[in-house]
Amino acid sequence: MRKILPPRRAHSFSIRHEKWMNRRLWVITRRTMNILAIETSCDETAIALIEARGSFPESFSCTVLGNSLLSQAQMHAEFGGVFPNVAKREHQHALVPVLQETLRQAKLLDTPADTPENVISELESALEREPELFLNLAQFLRSIGKPPIDAIAVTHGPGLEPALWVGINFAKALAYAWHVPLIPVNHMEGHIVLSAMNHDRAARFDMPLVSLLISGGHTELVLSHSWLEYRLLGQTRDDAVGEAFDKVARLMGLPYPGGPQISKLAAAARAEGHESSAFGALPRPMMTTPDYDFSFSGIKTAVRRMVERLQPLTDEHKRHIALEFENAVAEVLIHKTLKAIEEFEAATIIVGGGVSANEHIRTQLARSIKDYGYQTKLLIPPPDLATDNALMIALAGYFRAEMKQFADPKDIVARGNLALA
């Protein structure tokens, strides 16, 4: 289970940033910006570098210079979920190698080293809580010089706070060593922005926009009347949908992460010609309530009872339970989304977050929009970009930079429960 820890005292980062302040005006007036992005909100260590230009949506275009990710999923599988302190430790191991891989893809590893030793010494005290990260970074800065980067975007929430802090402090250290400004990015905004992209440029769509954000930590519907402006319509009152997938998978004895395992079994049941379970139905919690909230803890309890009743579980039982669970979840999500389309006359629907990779949810939502006769445009990222990645942070960071929303490093802190709206 993905756990959000309570807020803790901000890390000290006492390095002075006069050079950063002097450089800010130069950065925001450039017509093209190279944005380096760092994402460590959960169990993926990800870094991307983009070259972006223009304003959204008419003139915006982007080139991905490098995009790297190292997942910890296999490591956390033995625990059946993500352990925040293990995630923190692994981010410390991985950040510099992932940065090097990103720069290798961008062909930027041959820049002569130019970081003064006194700067590296100052970083040691700033990274006192991440000593291994400091050692790796010091070696990196002594061997490779500053690449052509204009700003660094970093996820500051929501997510696991110990994991977020590692990425934030790494971003602050790089920003100081390279004299570039920082852009704090909301992780969920990253999902929205990425879904609004069409390859190397912005997709064409109209407002109002409704975003369905579905992941291991979030399930929410958000309304936008203008770009990067949000109003929360509703959210889960207990488990997020991705969390529910993982918990149900554990009840069935399936490995972590559970979502892909359940989808595979459900697809096998459909391939056998089944549209619903032969062993009983599950509830569709809160599907017809007048609000836009969700609840998935009850359906998890219903699965537990079904599993207990059917013991010992056979492969056939597992396929049918997975089919019924996936059907129930999809019906709830789609019903609420269609309700939002109708009430707010949404011209565009965006689906983002790791669960948006679920093929059944994707196809059923597209079919339902068409069947109901809505002219709403549906934007969903390709499955390989649906889960957490740094490209989405780089894109959101660019648009925030274009709006001159840089931040003083001392003001950037990890916010595990950071809201989008």
Protein backbone atom coordinates (compact mmCIF):
# COMPACT_ATOMS: atom_id res chain seq x y z
CA MET A 1 0.00 0.00 0.00
CA ARG A 2 1.26 3.46 -0.83
CA LYS A 3 1.66 5.42 2.40
CA ILE A 4 1.71 9.19 2.80
CA LEU A 5 3.70 10.25 5.85
CA PRO A 6 2.77 13.29 7.94
CA PRO A 7 4.64 16.51 7.14
CA ARG A 8 8.04 16.88 8.74
CA ARG A 9 10.43 19.77 9.27
CA ALA A 10 11.88 21.14 6.07
CA HIS A 11 15.44 20.16 5.23
CA SER A 12 17.96 22.92 5.75
CA PHE A 13 19.44 24.22 2.53
CA SER A 14 21.41 27.28 3.57
CA ILE A 15 23.43 27.96 0.41
CA ARG A 16 22.93 31.52 -0.80
CA HIS A 17 21.47 31.98 -4.26
CA GLU A 18 22.43 35.48 -5.48
CA LYS A 19 23.67 34.02 -8.78
CA TRP A 20 20.37 32.22 -9.21
CA MET A 21 18.42 35.45 -8.65
CA ASN A 22 20.55 37.38 -11.13
CA ARG A 23 20.07 34.74 -13.81
CA ARG A 24 16.28 34.48 -13.54
CA LEU A 25 15.43 37.36 -15.92
CA TRP A 26 17.74 35.97 -18.60
CA VAL A 27 16.06 32.56 -18.41
CA ILE A 28 12.47 33.72 -18.68
CA THR A 29 13.16 35.97 -21.65
CA ARG A 30 14.71 33.25 -23.81
CA ARG A 31 12.54 32.09 -26.70
CA THR A 32 13.73 28.49 -26.27
CA MET A 33 14.32 26.81 -22.92
CA ASN A 34 16.07 23.59 -21.96
CA ILE A 35 14.27 22.18 -18.92
CA LEU A 36 15.77 19.41 -16.80
CA ALA A 37 13.11 17.62 -14.73
CA ILE A 38 13.42 15.39 -11.65
CA GLU A 39 10.64 13.07 -10.45
CA THR A 40 10.91 11.06 -7.20
CA SER A 41 7.38 11.13 -5.80
CA CYS A 42 7.09 7.38 -5.24
CA ASP A 43 9.06 4.38 -6.48
CA GLU A 44 10.34 5.61 -9.85
CA THR A 45 13.53 7.64 -10.17
CA ALA A 46 13.08 9.64 -13.37
CA ILE A 47 14.93 12.48 -15.09
CA ALA A 48 14.14 14.10 -18.44
CA LEU A 49 15.58 16.93 -20.50
CA ILE A 50 13.49 18.81 -23.06
CA GLU A 51 14.02 21.72 -25.40
CA ALA A 52 10.74 23.66 -25.54
CA ARG A 53 9.56 26.83 -27.19
CA GLY A 54 6.39 28.80 -27.81
CA SER A 55 3.15 29.29 -25.92
CA PHE A 56 0.32 26.83 -25.34
CA PRO A 57 -1.28 25.70 -27.52
CA GLU A 58 -0.75 27.46 -30.85
CA SER A 59 3.02 27.88 -31.04
CA PHE A 60 4.25 25.33 -28.51
CA SER A 61 6.66 22.62 -29.65
CA CYS A 62 9.09 20.41 -27.83
CA THR A 63 12.03 18.11 -28.47
CA VAL A 64 12.83 15.37 -25.94
CA LEU A 65 16.60 15.36 -25.61
CA GLY A 66 16.75 12.67 -22.95
CA ASN A 67 14.28 10.69 -20.84
CA SER A 68 15.32 8.03 -18.31
CA LEU A 69 13.58 6.07 -15.57
CA LEU A 70 14.58 3.44 -13.04
CA SER A 71 11.70 1.63 -11.33
CA GLN A 72 11.84 0.14 -7.84
CA ALA A 73 8.69 -1.93 -8.36
CA GLN A 74 10.48 -5.28 -8.23
CA MET A 75 12.22 -4.32 -5.01
CA HIS A 76 8.95 -3.34 -3.30
CA ALA A 77 7.12 -6.42 -4.60
CA GLU A 78 8.30 -8.56 -1.68
CA PHE A 79 6.57 -6.12 0.69
CA GLY A 80 3.36 -5.95 -1.35
CA GLY A 81 3.61 -2.14 -1.58
CA VAL A 82 5.95 0.83 -1.44
CA PHE A 83 7.95 1.47 1.74
CA PRO A 84 8.81 5.20 1.86
CA ASN A 85 12.23 4.88 3.52
CA VAL A 86 13.27 2.13 1.11
CA ALA A 87 12.16 4.35 -1.77
CA LYS A 88 14.20 7.22 -0.32
CA ARG A 89 17.32 5.07 -0.08
CA GLU A 90 16.97 3.81 -3.65
CA HIS A 91 16.46 7.33 -5.02
CA GLN A 92 19.79 8.29 -3.42
CA HIS A 93 21.45 5.37 -5.24
CA ALA A 94 19.80 6.06 -8.57
CA LEU A 95 19.60 9.81 -9.14
CA VAL A 96 23.12 10.44 -10.45
CA PRO A 97 23.19 7.34 -12.73
CA VAL A 98 19.77 8.28 -14.13
CA LEU A 99 20.97 11.86 -14.70
CA GLN A 100 24.04 10.53 -16.51
CA GLU A 101 21.88 8.33 -18.73
CA THR A 102 19.63 11.26 -19.59
CA LEU A 103 22.62 13.42 -20.51
CA ARG A 104 24.12 10.52 -22.47
CA GLN A 105 20.94 10.32 -24.56
CA ALA A 106 21.18 14.08 -25.11
CA LYS A 107 24.88 13.71 -26.09
CA LEU A 108 25.89 16.09 -23.29
CA LEU A 109 28.31 13.98 -21.27
CA ASP A 110 31.46 15.42 -22.84
CA THR A 111 31.21 18.91 -21.31
CA PRO A 112 34.49 19.69 -19.50
CA ALA A 113 34.18 19.80 -15.72
CA ASP A 114 33.92 23.35 -14.40
CA THR A 115 32.46 23.17 -10.88
CA PRO A 116 34.77 24.82 -8.31
CA GLU A 117 35.78 22.71 -5.31
CA ASN A 118 34.42 25.27 -2.88
CA VAL A 119 30.95 24.81 -4.43
CA ILE A 120 31.18 21.04 -4.05
CA SER A 121 32.25 21.49 -0.42
CA GLU A 122 29.23 23.69 0.28
CA LEU A 123 26.95 20.98 -1.15
CA GLU A 124 28.23 18.47 1.40
CA SER A 125 26.55 20.27 4.29
CA ALA A 126 23.43 20.93 2.22
CA LEU A 127 23.09 17.19 1.48
CA GLU A 128 24.00 15.99 4.97
CA ARG A 129 20.82 13.87 5.13
CA GLU A 130 21.67 12.21 1.80
CA PRO A 131 25.39 11.40 2.21
CA GLU A 132 25.51 8.77 -0.52
CA LEU A 133 23.79 11.15 -2.91
CA PHE A 134 26.41 13.79 -2.12
CA LEU A 135 29.30 11.40 -2.83
CA ASN A 136 27.80 10.43 -6.19
CA LEU A 137 27.03 14.04 -7.08
CA ALA A 138 30.50 15.25 -6.10
CA GLN A 139 32.11 12.67 -8.35
CA PHE A 140 29.73 13.65 -11.16
CA LEU A 141 30.44 17.38 -10.82
CA ARG A 142 34.21 16.75 -10.81
CA SER A 143 33.99 14.87 -14.11
CA ILE A 144 31.21 16.56 -16.09
CA GLY A 145 30.54 20.25 -16.62
CA LYS A 146 27.26 22.13 -16.73
CA PRO A 147 25.15 21.13 -19.74
CA PRO A 148 23.07 23.76 -21.60
CA ILE A 149 20.20 23.80 -19.08
CA ASP A 150 18.13 26.91 -18.39
CA ALA A 151 16.00 25.71 -15.46
CA ILE A 152 15.31 22.65 -13.31
CA ALA A 153 11.77 21.45 -12.64
CA VAL A 154 11.21 19.16 -9.67
CA THR A 155 8.19 17.40 -8.19
CA HIS A 156 7.43 18.81 -4.74
CA GLY A 157 4.17 16.92 -4.15
CA PRO A 158 1.96 15.07 -3.75
CA GLY A 159 3.74 11.82 -2.95
CA LEU A 160 5.85 10.08 -0.33
CA GLU A 161 7.63 12.84 1.55
CA PRO A 162 10.93 10.99 2.18
CA ALA A 163 11.14 10.24 -1.55
CA LEU A 164 10.15 13.77 -2.55
CA TRP A 165 12.84 15.28 -0.33
CA VAL A 166 15.62 13.38 -2.10
CA GLY A 167 14.59 14.75 -5.49
CA ILE A 168 14.07 18.26 -4.15
CA ASN A 169 17.48 18.42 -2.45
CA PHE A 170 19.15 16.98 -5.54
CA ALA A 171 17.47 19.66 -7.66
CA LYS A 172 18.55 22.40 -5.25
CA ALA A 173 22.14 21.15 -5.32
CA LEU A 174 22.25 21.09 -9.12
CA ALA A 175 20.60 24.50 -9.31
CA TYR A 176 23.27 25.95 -7.05
CA ALA A 177 26.18 24.25 -8.81
CA TRP A 178 24.91 25.22 -12.28
CA HIS A 179 23.44 28.66 -11.42
CA VAL A 180 19.96 27.96 -12.80
CA PRO A 181 16.48 28.63 -11.33
CA LEU A 182 14.07 26.08 -9.90
CA ILE A 183 10.45 25.37 -10.79
CA PRO A 184 8.35 23.38 -8.28
CA VAL A 185 5.82 21.17 -10.08
CA ASN A 186 2.63 19.51 -8.85
CA HIS A 187 2.84 15.83 -9.78
CA MET A 188 -0.84 15.64 -10.75
CA GLU A 189 -0.53 18.69 -12.99
CA GLY A 190 2.23 16.81 -14.74
CA HIS A 191 -0.19 14.00 -15.59
CA ILE A 192 -2.70 16.51 -17.00
CA VAL A 193 -0.13 18.36 -19.08
CA LEU A 194 1.33 15.16 -20.53
CA SER A 195 -2.13 13.93 -21.51
CA ALA A 196 -2.69 17.24 -23.32
CA MET A 197 0.34 16.67 -25.53
CA ASN A 198 0.33 15.15 -28.99
CA HIS A 199 3.85 13.83 -29.64
CA ASP A 200 6.06 16.95 -29.83
CA ARG A 201 3.38 19.61 -29.55
CA ALA A 202 0.16 20.50 -27.76
CA ALA A 203 -3.02 18.71 -28.74
CA ARG A 204 -5.87 20.79 -30.14
CA PHE A 205 -8.81 20.93 -27.77
CA ASP A 206 -11.41 23.28 -26.36
CA MET A 207 -12.50 24.22 -22.85
CA PRO A 208 -14.15 23.38 -20.48
CA LEU A 209 -11.82 20.52 -19.67
CA VAL A 210 -12.53 17.73 -17.19
CA SER A 211 -9.58 15.66 -15.96
CA LEU A 212 -10.03 12.17 -14.53
CA LEU A 213 -6.89 11.46 -12.50
CA ILE A 214 -6.54 7.82 -11.50
CA SER A 215 -3.44 6.38 -9.87
CA GLY A 216 -2.16 4.47 -6.86
CA GLY A 217 -2.57 7.52 -4.65
CA HIS A 218 -5.34 9.54 -6.31
CA THR A 219 -8.79 9.32 -7.79
CA GLU A 220 -10.30 12.68 -8.59
CA LEU A 221 -12.26 14.68 -11.14
CA VAL A 222 -11.01 18.19 -11.85
CA LEU A 223 -12.65 20.95 -13.91
CA SER A 224 -10.67 23.56 -15.88
CA HIS A 225 -12.09 26.58 -17.69
CA SER A 226 -8.61 27.76 -18.70
CA TRP A 227 -5.16 26.23 -19.10
CA LEU A 228 -3.46 25.32 -15.78
CA GLU A 229 -6.45 26.46 -13.71
CA TYR A 230 -8.30 23.85 -11.65
CA ARG A 231 -11.43 23.26 -9.59
CA LEU A 232 -11.80 19.99 -7.72
CA LEU A 233 -15.16 18.34 -8.45
CA GLY A 234 -14.72 15.19 -6.39
CA GLN A 235 -12.23 12.66 -5.08
CA THR A 236 -11.99 9.33 -3.33
CA ARG A 237 -13.13 9.24 0.27
CA ASP A 238 -10.89 6.27 1.10
CA ASP A 239 -8.80 4.09 -1.21
CA ALA A 240 -7.53 5.40 -4.53
CA VAL A 241 -8.42 3.23 -7.48
CA GLY A 242 -4.84 2.04 -8.03
CA GLU A 243 -4.58 1.22 -4.34
CA ALA A 244 -7.79 -0.81 -4.65
CA PHE A 245 -6.32 -2.78 -7.56
CA ASP A 246 -3.24 -3.61 -5.46
CA LYS A 247 -5.27 -4.63 -2.38
CA VAL A 248 -7.60 -6.84 -4.40
CA ALA A 249 -4.61 -8.46 -6.08
CA ARG A 250 -3.14 -9.30 -2.66
CA LEU A 251 -6.44 -10.87 -1.60
CA MET A 252 -6.18 -13.10 -4.66
CA GLY A 253 -2.55 -13.99 -4.02
CA LEU A 254 -1.25 -12.01 -7.00
CA PRO A 255 2.13 -10.24 -7.02
CA TYR A 256 2.68 -6.48 -6.72
CA PRO A 257 1.92 -4.27 -8.59
CA GLY A 258 -1.57 -5.71 -8.78
CA GLY A 259 -3.17 -3.61 -11.51
CA PRO A 260 -1.50 -5.29 -14.50
CA GLN A 261 -2.09 -8.74 -12.96
CA ILE A 262 -5.82 -8.15 -12.54
CA SER A 263 -6.14 -6.68 -16.03
CA LYS A 264 -4.39 -9.70 -17.53
CA LEU A 265 -6.77 -12.11 -15.78
CA ALA A 266 -9.83 -10.02 -16.72
CA ALA A 267 -8.73 -9.95 -20.35
CA ALA A 268 -8.36 -13.73 -20.30
CA ALA A 269 -11.94 -14.07 -19.00
CA ARG A 270 -13.23 -11.80 -21.78
CA ALA A 271 -11.28 -13.84 -24.32
CA GLU A 272 -13.24 -16.87 -23.10
CA GLY A 273 -16.45 -15.03 -23.94
CA HIS A 274 -17.40 -13.87 -20.43
CA GLU A 275 -18.82 -10.38 -19.89
CA SER A 276 -19.50 -10.77 -16.17
CA SER A 277 -18.54 -13.09 -13.34
CA ALA A 278 -20.16 -16.49 -13.02
CA PHE A 279 -19.55 -16.42 -9.27
CA GLY A 280 -21.48 -13.33 -8.19
CA ALA A 281 -21.61 -9.58 -8.64
CA LEU A 282 -19.71 -6.84 -6.83
CA PRO A 283 -21.17 -3.47 -5.73
CA ARG A 284 -20.70 -0.25 -7.74
CA PRO A 285 -20.01 2.07 -4.78
CA MET A 286 -21.25 5.67 -4.97
CA MET A 287 -21.99 5.33 -8.68
CA THR A 288 -25.35 7.06 -8.48
CA THR A 289 -24.71 9.59 -5.69
CA PRO A 290 -25.32 13.22 -6.70
CA ASP A 291 -21.73 14.27 -6.03
CA TYR A 292 -18.46 13.45 -7.79
CA ASP A 293 -16.80 11.58 -4.95
CA PHE A 294 -15.62 7.97 -5.09
CA SER A 295 -15.19 5.12 -2.61
CA PHE A 296 -13.39 1.83 -3.23
CA SER A 297 -12.94 0.37 0.24
CA GLY A 298 -16.36 -1.30 0.13
CA ILE A 299 -15.67 -3.10 -3.12
CA LYS A 300 -12.41 -4.39 -1.64
CA THR A 301 -14.38 -5.80 1.31
CA ALA A 302 -16.84 -7.43 -1.08
CA VAL A 303 -13.94 -9.08 -2.93
CA ARG A 304 -12.58 -10.42 0.36
CA ARG A 305 -15.92 -12.06 1.11
CA MET A 306 -16.08 -13.52 -2.38
CA VAL A 307 -12.55 -14.91 -2.04
CA GLU A 308 -13.40 -16.46 1.33
CA ARG A 309 -16.58 -18.03 -0.08
CA LEU A 310 -14.80 -19.54 -3.09
CA GLN A 311 -11.83 -21.05 -1.24
CA PRO A 312 -9.72 -22.73 -2.41
CA LEU A 313 -9.33 -20.29 -5.31
CA THR A 314 -8.84 -21.83 -8.72
CA ASP A 315 -7.46 -20.07 -11.80
CA GLU A 316 -11.03 -19.85 -13.10
CA HIS A 317 -12.15 -18.15 -9.87
CA LYS A 318 -9.34 -15.61 -10.18
CA ARG A 319 -10.21 -14.77 -13.79
CA HIS A 320 -13.86 -14.17 -12.91
CA ILE A 321 -13.11 -12.11 -9.78
CA ALA A 322 -10.68 -9.98 -11.75
CA LEU A 323 -13.24 -9.52 -14.51
CA GLU A 324 -16.00 -8.46 -12.11
CA PHE A 325 -13.71 -6.13 -10.16
CA GLU A 326 -12.37 -4.40 -13.27
CA ASN A 327 -15.90 -4.06 -14.67
CA ALA A 328 -17.18 -2.53 -11.43
CA VAL A 329 -14.34 -0.02 -11.15
CA ALA A 330 -14.62 1.01 -14.80
CA GLU A 331 -18.39 1.50 -14.56
CA VAL A 332 -18.07 3.79 -11.52
CA LEU A 333 -15.29 5.90 -13.05
CA ILE A 334 -17.06 6.21 -16.40
CA HIS A 335 -20.46 7.00 -14.92
CA LYS A 336 -19.07 9.89 -12.86
CA THR A 337 -17.05 11.18 -15.82
CA LEU A 338 -20.06 11.15 -18.14
CA LYS A 339 -22.04 12.98 -15.46
CA ALA A 340 -19.36 15.69 -15.39
CA ILE A 341 -19.38 15.94 -19.20
CA GLU A 342 -23.11 16.57 -19.18
CA GLU A 343 -23.29 18.95 -16.22
CA PHE A 344 -20.35 21.14 -17.24
CA GLU A 345 -20.70 20.71 -21.01
CA ALA A 346 -17.11 19.56 -21.15
CA ALA A 347 -15.51 19.88 -24.57
CA THR A 348 -12.49 17.78 -23.57
CA ILE A 349 -11.80 14.89 -21.22
CA ILE A 350 -8.27 14.14 -20.05
CA VAL A 351 -7.40 10.87 -18.32
CA GLY A 352 -4.07 10.75 -16.47
CA GLY A 353 -2.25 8.73 -13.85
CA GLY A 354 -0.95 5.19 -13.78
CA VAL A 355 -4.37 3.51 -13.94
CA SER A 356 -5.04 5.32 -17.23
CA ALA A 357 -2.85 2.59 -18.77
CA ASN A 358 -5.69 0.12 -18.07
CA GLU A 359 -6.89 -0.93 -21.52
CA HIS A 360 -10.45 -1.78 -20.43
CA ILE A 361 -11.01 1.62 -18.79
CA ARG A 362 -9.55 3.41 -21.83
CA THR A 363 -11.65 1.57 -24.41
CA GLN A 364 -14.88 1.61 -22.38
CA LEU A 365 -14.66 5.33 -21.71
CA ALA A 366 -14.06 6.08 -25.39
CA ARG A 367 -16.98 3.84 -26.35
CA SER A 368 -19.30 5.37 -23.76
CA ILE A 369 -18.56 8.92 -24.92
CA LYS A 370 -19.37 7.89 -28.47
CA ASP A 371 -22.47 5.89 -27.53
CA TYR A 372 -23.95 8.81 -25.58
CA GLY A 373 -23.46 11.08 -28.55
CA TYR A 374 -21.11 13.51 -26.83
CA GLN A 375 -18.79 15.50 -29.07
CA THR A 376 -16.24 15.55 -26.28
CA LYS A 377 -12.60 15.01 -27.24
CA LEU A 378 -10.82 12.31 -25.22
CA LEU A 379 -7.10 12.70 -24.51
CA ILE A 380 -5.19 9.82 -22.90
CA PRO A 381 -1.39 9.38 -22.92
CA PRO A 382 0.14 6.27 -24.47
CA PRO A 383 0.32 3.45 -21.88
CA ASP A 384 4.11 3.70 -21.57
CA LEU A 385 3.77 7.34 -20.45
CA ALA A 386 0.73 6.85 -18.21
CA THR A 387 2.76 5.91 -15.15
CA ASP A 388 5.05 8.32 -13.28
CA ASN A 389 7.81 9.81 -15.42
CA ALA A 390 9.94 12.96 -15.62
CA LEU A 391 8.79 14.02 -19.07
CA MET A 392 5.47 15.16 -17.61
CA ILE A 393 7.34 17.20 -14.96
CA ALA A 394 9.51 18.81 -17.63
CA LEU A 395 6.48 19.82 -19.69
CA ALA A 396 4.57 21.23 -16.71
CA GLY A 397 7.77 22.95 -15.60
CA TYR A 398 8.17 24.65 -18.96
CA PHE A 399 4.65 26.09 -18.89
CA ARG A 400 5.16 27.32 -15.32
CA ALA A 401 8.49 28.85 -16.35
CA GLU A 402 6.79 30.58 -19.25
CA MET A 403 4.46 32.10 -16.65
CA LYS A 404 7.55 33.21 -14.66
CA GLN A 405 6.65 30.97 -11.73
CA PHE A 406 10.16 30.27 -10.49
CA ALA A 407 10.71 29.76 -6.77
CA ASP A 408 13.38 30.62 -4.25
CA PRO A 409 15.04 27.29 -3.33
CA LYS A 410 14.46 27.80 0.40
CA ASP A 411 10.71 27.96 -0.24
CA ILE A 412 10.52 24.58 -2.02
CA VAL A 413 9.56 21.84 0.44
CA ALA A 414 8.09 18.37 0.10
CA ARG A 415 4.31 18.39 0.43
CA GLY A 416 2.99 14.85 0.58
CA ASN A 417 -0.66 15.87 0.42
CA LEU A 418 -0.28 18.78 -2.02
CA ALA A 419 -3.63 19.53 -3.66
CA LEU A 420 -4.10 20.39 -7.31
CA ALA A 421 -7.07 22.63 -6.69
